[in-house]
Amino acid sequence: MVLTLCYLNCTGRLILETADGELAAPTTTVSGNGLIAEIPNAVLTLPDGNEFQQFDPVEGIVLIKVINLPNERVQVAITGADAPPNLDIDAMATGLALIATPG
């Protein structure tokens, strides 16, 4: 499925949308202060390349990075300032909402 990064707002809410229907739930792992979510069967389309980065989107989160991985996977990496962030995942009819809060 083709994903479009719709927006990242000041609450740490990242919206990934698709015209192709529902997305599979991502798998998540923690490494140091980072939380990594991988979305299978998806390809990210961006106007300027294959990567999105946002530094200091909200207090307590220092980086959100979204990239394409091989074999049609998308990775969302979120780095907390002092600890890995908490992540809530909301399935929507047109994609996923990933809500990151400081850990």
Foldseek 3Di string as FASTA:
>chain_A
DEWEFDDQALQRKTWIFAPPWWFDFWDWDDDWQKIKTKTAQYAYDDPPDFKDKDACSYPQWGIWMWGADPRHMIMIMTGGPHHHWDWDWDIDGGYIMIGTDHD
